C-alpha cells in the first residue's frame, strides 16, 4: 500500500485536493497546502506504525504535487 500512495496515485490525489481547496484559499497558499495534504495522506496510510520516514514521505509527496520538486532542480 505504501508504494501505491507514495507514487503517482498519491500525487494525483494531493493535486486534486489542492485544486478543490483553491476555491476557498488564495493561490499563494497552495504549495503549503499540498505539503500538508501529503503529510496527512501518508500519515493515514501508516497510522499503525508511524515513523519519521512517513513525515518525510508526506513532505516529498506534497513537494512533487506542488511542482517545487522540478523547480528546485
C-alpha atoms as a PDB file:
ATOM      1  CA  UNK A   1       0.000   0.000   0.000  1.00  0.00           C
ATOM      2  CA  UNK A   2       2.881   2.399   0.706  1.00  0.00           C
ATOM      3  CA  UNK A   3       4.157   2.244  -2.856  1.00  0.00           C
ATOM      4  CA  UNK A   4       0.685   2.934  -4.188  1.00  0.00           C
ATOM      5  CA  UNK A   5       0.213   6.042  -2.035  1.00  0.00           C
ATOM      6  CA  UNK A   6       3.746   7.407  -2.352  1.00  0.00           C
ATOM      7  CA  UNK A   7       3.741   7.025  -6.099  1.00  0.00           C
ATOM      8  CA  UNK A   8       1.806   8.552  -8.922  1.00  0.00           C
ATOM      9  CA  UNK A   9      -1.713   7.977  -7.490  1.00  0.00           C
ATOM     10  CA  UNK A  10      -0.795   9.793  -4.272  1.00  0.00           C
ATOM     11  CA  UNK A  11       0.428  12.744  -6.277  1.00  0.00           C
ATOM     12  CA  UNK A  12      -2.831  12.870  -8.207  1.00  0.00           C
ATOM     13  CA  UNK A  13      -4.866  12.713  -5.001  1.00  0.00           C
ATOM     14  CA  UNK A  14      -2.962  15.626  -3.485  1.00  0.00           C
ATOM     15  CA  UNK A  15      -3.209  17.670  -6.698  1.00  0.00           C
ATOM     16  CA  UNK A  16      -6.957  17.071  -6.777  1.00  0.00           C
ATOM     17  CA  UNK A  17      -7.402  18.087  -3.139  1.00  0.00           C
ATOM     18  CA  UNK A  18      -5.391  21.263  -3.652  1.00  0.00           C
ATOM     19  CA  UNK A  19      -7.385  22.144  -6.771  1.00  0.00           C
ATOM     20  CA  UNK A  20     -10.597  21.762  -4.777  1.00  0.00           C
ATOM     21  CA  UNK A  21      -9.216  23.889  -1.944  1.00  0.00           C
ATOM     22  CA  UNK A  22      -8.132  26.668  -4.331  1.00  0.00           C
ATOM     23  CA  UNK A  23     -11.768  27.747  -4.496  1.00  0.00           C
ATOM     24  CA  UNK A  24     -11.565  28.748  -0.835  1.00  0.00           C
ATOM     25  CA  UNK A  25      -7.960  29.908  -0.342  1.00  0.00           C
ATOM     26  CA  UNK A  26      -5.570  32.261  -2.067  1.00  0.00           C
ATOM     27  CA  UNK A  27      -3.367  30.736  -4.742  1.00  0.00           C
ATOM     28  CA  UNK A  28      -0.152  31.559  -2.861  1.00  0.00           C
ATOM     29  CA  UNK A  29      -1.044  29.070  -0.093  1.00  0.00           C
ATOM     30  CA  UNK A  30      -1.456  26.089  -2.417  1.00  0.00           C
ATOM     31  CA  UNK A  31       2.153  24.776  -2.107  1.00  0.00           C
ATOM     32  CA  UNK A  32       1.918  24.746   1.684  1.00  0.00           C
ATOM     33  CA  UNK A  33      -1.481  23.101   1.474  1.00  0.00           C
ATOM     34  CA  UNK A  34      -0.062  20.441  -0.870  1.00  0.00           C
ATOM     35  CA  UNK A  35       2.625  19.606   1.701  1.00  0.00           C
ATOM     36  CA  UNK A  36       0.029  19.408   4.474  1.00  0.00           C
ATOM     37  CA  UNK A  37      -2.221  17.161   2.371  1.00  0.00           C
ATOM     38  CA  UNK A  38       0.785  14.971   1.520  1.00  0.00           C
ATOM     39  CA  UNK A  39       1.682  14.553   5.186  1.00  0.00           C
ATOM     40  CA  UNK A  40      -1.926  13.768   6.087  1.00  0.00           C
ATOM     41  CA  UNK A  41      -2.291  11.239   3.277  1.00  0.00           C
ATOM     42  CA  UNK A  42       0.897   9.381   4.151  1.00  0.00           C
ATOM     43  CA  UNK A  43       0.096   9.523   7.874  1.00  0.00           C
ATOM     44  CA  UNK A  44      -3.310   7.988   7.244  1.00  0.00           C
ATOM     45  CA  UNK A  45      -1.744   5.080   5.391  1.00  0.00           C
ATOM     46  CA  UNK A  46       0.856   4.498   8.144  1.00  0.00           C
ATOM     47  CA  UNK A  47      -1.312   5.035  11.205  1.00  0.00           C
ATOM     48  CA  UNK A  48      -0.402   1.679  12.792  1.00  0.00           C
ATOM     49  CA  UNK A  49       3.370   2.077  12.736  1.00  0.00           C
ATOM     50  CA  UNK A  50       4.056   5.739  12.061  1.00  0.00           C
ATOM     51  CA  UNK A  51       7.734   6.625  11.569  1.00  0.00           C
ATOM     52  CA  UNK A  52       9.649   9.817  10.787  1.00  0.00           C
ATOM     53  CA  UNK A  53      10.130   8.449   7.282  1.00  0.00           C
ATOM     54  CA  UNK A  54       6.380   8.796   6.804  1.00  0.00           C
ATOM     55  CA  UNK A  55       6.674  12.503   7.579  1.00  0.00           C
ATOM     56  CA  UNK A  56       9.449  12.889   5.029  1.00  0.00           C
ATOM     57  CA  UNK A  57       7.449  10.878   2.512  1.00  0.00           C
ATOM     58  CA  UNK A  58       4.475  13.191   3.014  1.00  0.00           C
ATOM     59  CA  UNK A  59       6.628  16.277   2.543  1.00  0.00           C
ATOM     60  CA  UNK A  60       8.118  14.856  -0.654  1.00  0.00           C
ATOM     61  CA  UNK A  61       4.668  13.914  -1.911  1.00  0.00           C
ATOM     62  CA  UNK A  62       3.488  17.467  -1.296  1.00  0.00           C
ATOM     63  CA  UNK A  63       6.541  18.964  -2.987  1.00  0.00           C
ATOM     64  CA  UNK A  64       6.113  16.783  -6.033  1.00  0.00           C
ATOM     65  CA  UNK A  65       2.446  17.672  -6.210  1.00  0.00           C
ATOM     66  CA  UNK A  66       3.037  21.393  -5.986  1.00  0.00           C
ATOM     67  CA  UNK A  67       5.783  21.420  -8.572  1.00  0.00           C
ATOM     68  CA  UNK A  68       8.561  22.522  -6.237  1.00  0.00           C
ATOM     69  CA  UNK A  69      10.446  19.326  -6.930  1.00  0.00           C
ATOM     70  CA  UNK A  70      11.043  20.324 -10.565  1.00  0.00           C
ATOM     71  CA  UNK A  71      11.585  23.960  -9.609  1.00  0.00           C
ATOM     72  CA  UNK A  72      14.448  23.080  -7.247  1.00  0.00           C
ATOM     73  CA  UNK A  73      16.477  21.304  -9.962  1.00  0.00           C
END
